[in-house]
Amino acid sequence: MPELQIIGAPQSNYVWVSRVACHEKGVPYTLVPVMPHTPEVDAIHPLGKIPALRHGDLMLAESRAICF
């Protein structure tokens, strides 16, 4: 099974919210520390915003979508 990755800067409040949601739900994840507007983030979010989530072929952006 592919590994769940949260992509974003560790100091971002929105990345932190996504990480806390994973922790509370017992979902293991790996943090990929990157800043906004990098090529890796731009490939997932058209505006280059963080956080982003990658799980195999599934990619989500925005902390609200990730938490729900």
N, C-alpha and C. Protein backbone atom coordinates (compact mmCIF):
# COMPACT_ATOMS: atom_id res chain seq x y z
N MET A 1 0.85 -1.18 0.00
CA MET A 1 0.00 0.00 0.00
C MET A 1 0.89 1.23 0.00
N PRO A 2 0.55 2.23 -0.81
CA PRO A 2 1.39 3.43 -0.85
C PRO A 2 1.34 4.20 0.47
N GLU A 3 2.40 4.92 0.71
CA GLU A 3 2.54 5.70 1.93
C GLU A 3 1.82 7.04 1.77
N LEU A 4 1.12 7.46 2.81
CA LEU A 4 0.46 8.77 2.81
C LEU A 4 1.50 9.84 3.10
N GLN A 5 1.53 10.88 2.29
CA GLN A 5 2.48 11.97 2.48
C GLN A 5 1.74 13.29 2.63
N ILE A 6 2.13 14.05 3.62
CA ILE A 6 1.66 15.43 3.76
C ILE A 6 2.82 16.30 3.30
N ILE A 7 2.54 17.15 2.33
CA ILE A 7 3.58 17.95 1.70
C ILE A 7 3.39 19.40 2.12
N GLY A 8 4.41 19.99 2.73
CA GLY A 8 4.33 21.39 3.13
C GLY A 8 5.36 21.74 4.18
N ALA A 9 5.44 23.00 4.49
CA ALA A 9 6.40 23.51 5.47
C ALA A 9 5.93 23.16 6.88
N PRO A 10 6.80 22.55 7.70
CA PRO A 10 6.39 22.14 9.05
C PRO A 10 5.88 23.28 9.92
N GLN A 11 6.35 24.50 9.69
CA GLN A 11 5.93 25.62 10.53
C GLN A 11 4.58 26.22 10.12
N SER A 12 4.00 25.76 9.02
CA SER A 12 2.71 26.28 8.56
C SER A 12 1.58 25.79 9.46
N ASN A 13 0.70 26.71 9.86
CA ASN A 13 -0.45 26.34 10.68
C ASN A 13 -1.35 25.35 9.96
N TYR A 14 -1.51 25.50 8.66
CA TYR A 14 -2.39 24.62 7.90
C TYR A 14 -1.80 23.23 7.76
N VAL A 15 -0.50 23.14 7.61
CA VAL A 15 0.16 21.83 7.58
C VAL A 15 0.02 21.17 8.95
N TRP A 16 0.18 21.96 9.98
CA TRP A 16 0.05 21.45 11.35
C TRP A 16 -1.34 20.88 11.59
N VAL A 17 -2.39 21.56 11.13
CA VAL A 17 -3.77 21.07 11.28
C VAL A 17 -3.93 19.72 10.59
N SER A 18 -3.38 19.58 9.40
CA SER A 18 -3.48 18.31 8.67
C SER A 18 -2.75 17.20 9.40
N ARG A 19 -1.61 17.52 9.97
CA ARG A 19 -0.84 16.52 10.73
C ARG A 19 -1.59 16.10 11.99
N VAL A 20 -2.19 17.04 12.68
CA VAL A 20 -2.96 16.72 13.90
C VAL A 20 -4.16 15.85 13.55
N ALA A 21 -4.83 16.14 12.44
CA ALA A 21 -5.98 15.33 12.01
C ALA A 21 -5.55 13.89 11.75
N CYS A 22 -4.42 13.70 11.08
CA CYS A 22 -3.91 12.35 10.84
C CYS A 22 -3.58 11.65 12.15
N HIS A 23 -2.96 12.38 13.06
CA HIS A 23 -2.59 11.81 14.36
C HIS A 23 -3.85 11.39 15.13
N GLU A 24 -4.87 12.25 15.16
CA GLU A 24 -6.09 11.95 15.90
C GLU A 24 -6.84 10.76 15.30
N LYS A 25 -6.75 10.60 13.98
CA LYS A 25 -7.43 9.49 13.32
C LYS A 25 -6.59 8.22 13.29
N GLY A 26 -5.35 8.31 13.77
CA GLY A 26 -4.48 7.15 13.78
C GLY A 26 -3.95 6.76 12.41
N VAL A 27 -3.83 7.74 11.53
CA VAL A 27 -3.36 7.50 10.17
C VAL A 27 -1.87 7.80 10.10
N PRO A 28 -1.04 6.80 9.80
CA PRO A 28 0.39 7.08 9.67
C PRO A 28 0.68 7.88 8.40
N TYR A 29 1.62 8.79 8.50
CA TYR A 29 1.96 9.65 7.36
C TYR A 29 3.44 9.99 7.43
N THR A 30 3.92 10.52 6.34
CA THR A 30 5.28 11.05 6.28
C THR A 30 5.17 12.52 5.88
N LEU A 31 5.87 13.37 6.58
CA LEU A 31 5.90 14.79 6.23
C LEU A 31 7.01 15.02 5.21
N VAL A 32 6.65 15.64 4.10
CA VAL A 32 7.63 16.03 3.08
C VAL A 32 7.78 17.54 3.20
N PRO A 33 8.86 18.01 3.85
CA PRO A 33 9.00 19.44 4.12
C PRO A 33 9.43 20.22 2.88
N VAL A 34 8.49 20.96 2.30
CA VAL A 34 8.78 21.84 1.17
C VAL A 34 8.03 23.15 1.37
N MET A 35 8.54 24.19 0.81
CA MET A 35 7.92 25.51 0.90
C MET A 35 6.86 25.65 -0.20
N PRO A 36 5.93 26.60 -0.04
CA PRO A 36 4.94 26.84 -1.09
C PRO A 36 5.61 27.28 -2.40
N HIS A 37 4.91 27.07 -3.49
CA HIS A 37 5.33 27.51 -4.83
C HIS A 37 6.58 26.81 -5.33
N THR A 38 6.89 25.64 -4.79
CA THR A 38 7.98 24.84 -5.34
C THR A 38 7.39 23.94 -6.42
N PRO A 39 8.20 23.40 -7.30
CA PRO A 39 7.67 22.55 -8.37
C PRO A 39 6.85 21.37 -7.86
N GLU A 40 7.25 20.78 -6.73
CA GLU A 40 6.51 19.65 -6.18
C GLU A 40 5.10 20.06 -5.75
N VAL A 41 4.97 21.21 -5.13
CA VAL A 41 3.66 21.70 -4.70
C VAL A 41 2.86 22.19 -5.90
N ASP A 42 3.49 22.88 -6.82
CA ASP A 42 2.79 23.37 -8.01
C ASP A 42 2.19 22.24 -8.84
N ALA A 43 2.80 21.06 -8.79
CA ALA A 43 2.27 19.92 -9.54
C ALA A 43 0.95 19.41 -8.97
N ILE A 44 0.69 19.70 -7.69
CA ILE A 44 -0.54 19.24 -7.03
C ILE A 44 -1.57 20.36 -6.94
N HIS A 45 -1.15 21.54 -6.52
CA HIS A 45 -2.06 22.67 -6.31
C HIS A 45 -1.77 23.74 -7.35
N PRO A 46 -2.74 24.12 -8.14
CA PRO A 46 -2.48 25.09 -9.21
C PRO A 46 -2.00 26.46 -8.72
N LEU A 47 -2.31 26.81 -7.47
CA LEU A 47 -1.87 28.09 -6.93
C LEU A 47 -0.61 27.96 -6.07
N GLY A 48 -0.09 26.74 -5.95
CA GLY A 48 1.14 26.52 -5.20
C GLY A 48 1.00 26.60 -3.70
N LYS A 49 -0.22 26.39 -3.19
CA LYS A 49 -0.45 26.50 -1.75
C LYS A 49 -0.18 25.18 -1.05
N ILE A 50 0.11 25.27 0.25
CA ILE A 50 0.31 24.09 1.08
C ILE A 50 -0.76 24.07 2.15
N PRO A 51 -1.11 22.93 2.71
CA PRO A 51 -0.54 21.61 2.51
C PRO A 51 -1.13 20.93 1.28
N ALA A 52 -0.46 19.87 0.89
CA ALA A 52 -0.96 18.97 -0.13
C ALA A 52 -0.80 17.56 0.43
N LEU A 53 -1.60 16.66 -0.09
CA LEU A 53 -1.55 15.28 0.37
C LEU A 53 -1.40 14.38 -0.85
N ARG A 54 -0.53 13.39 -0.74
CA ARG A 54 -0.35 12.41 -1.80
C ARG A 54 -0.43 11.02 -1.20
N HIS A 55 -1.27 10.18 -1.79
CA HIS A 55 -1.41 8.79 -1.36
C HIS A 55 -1.58 7.95 -2.62
N GLY A 56 -0.47 7.47 -3.14
CA GLY A 56 -0.51 6.75 -4.42
C GLY A 56 -0.89 7.70 -5.53
N ASP A 57 -1.97 7.39 -6.24
CA ASP A 57 -2.45 8.24 -7.34
C ASP A 57 -3.35 9.38 -6.86
N LEU A 58 -3.80 9.32 -5.62
CA LEU A 58 -4.68 10.35 -5.07
C LEU A 58 -3.87 11.54 -4.60
N MET A 59 -4.27 12.74 -5.03
CA MET A 59 -3.62 13.97 -4.57
C MET A 59 -4.71 14.96 -4.18
N LEU A 60 -4.55 15.55 -3.01
CA LEU A 60 -5.48 16.56 -2.51
C LEU A 60 -4.70 17.80 -2.12
N ALA A 61 -5.35 18.93 -2.17
CA ALA A 61 -4.77 20.18 -1.70
C ALA A 61 -5.79 20.84 -0.77
N GLU A 62 -5.32 21.76 0.03
CA GLU A 62 -6.13 22.50 1.00
C GLU A 62 -6.36 21.65 2.25
N SER A 63 -6.11 22.23 3.40
CA SER A 63 -6.21 21.50 4.67
C SER A 63 -7.64 21.04 4.94
N ARG A 64 -8.62 21.79 4.51
CA ARG A 64 -10.01 21.39 4.74
C ARG A 64 -10.34 20.08 4.03
N ALA A 65 -9.93 19.95 2.79
CA ALA A 65 -10.17 18.71 2.03
C ALA A 65 -9.39 17.55 2.65
N ILE A 66 -8.18 17.81 3.08
CA ILE A 66 -7.35 16.75 3.68
C ILE A 66 -7.98 16.26 4.97
N CYS A 67 -8.45 17.15 5.81
CA CYS A 67 -9.02 16.77 7.10
C CYS A 67 -10.35 16.04 6.96
N PHE A 68 -11.14 16.41 5.96
CA PHE A 68 -12.42 15.72 5.76
C PHE A 68 -12.21 14.42 5.05
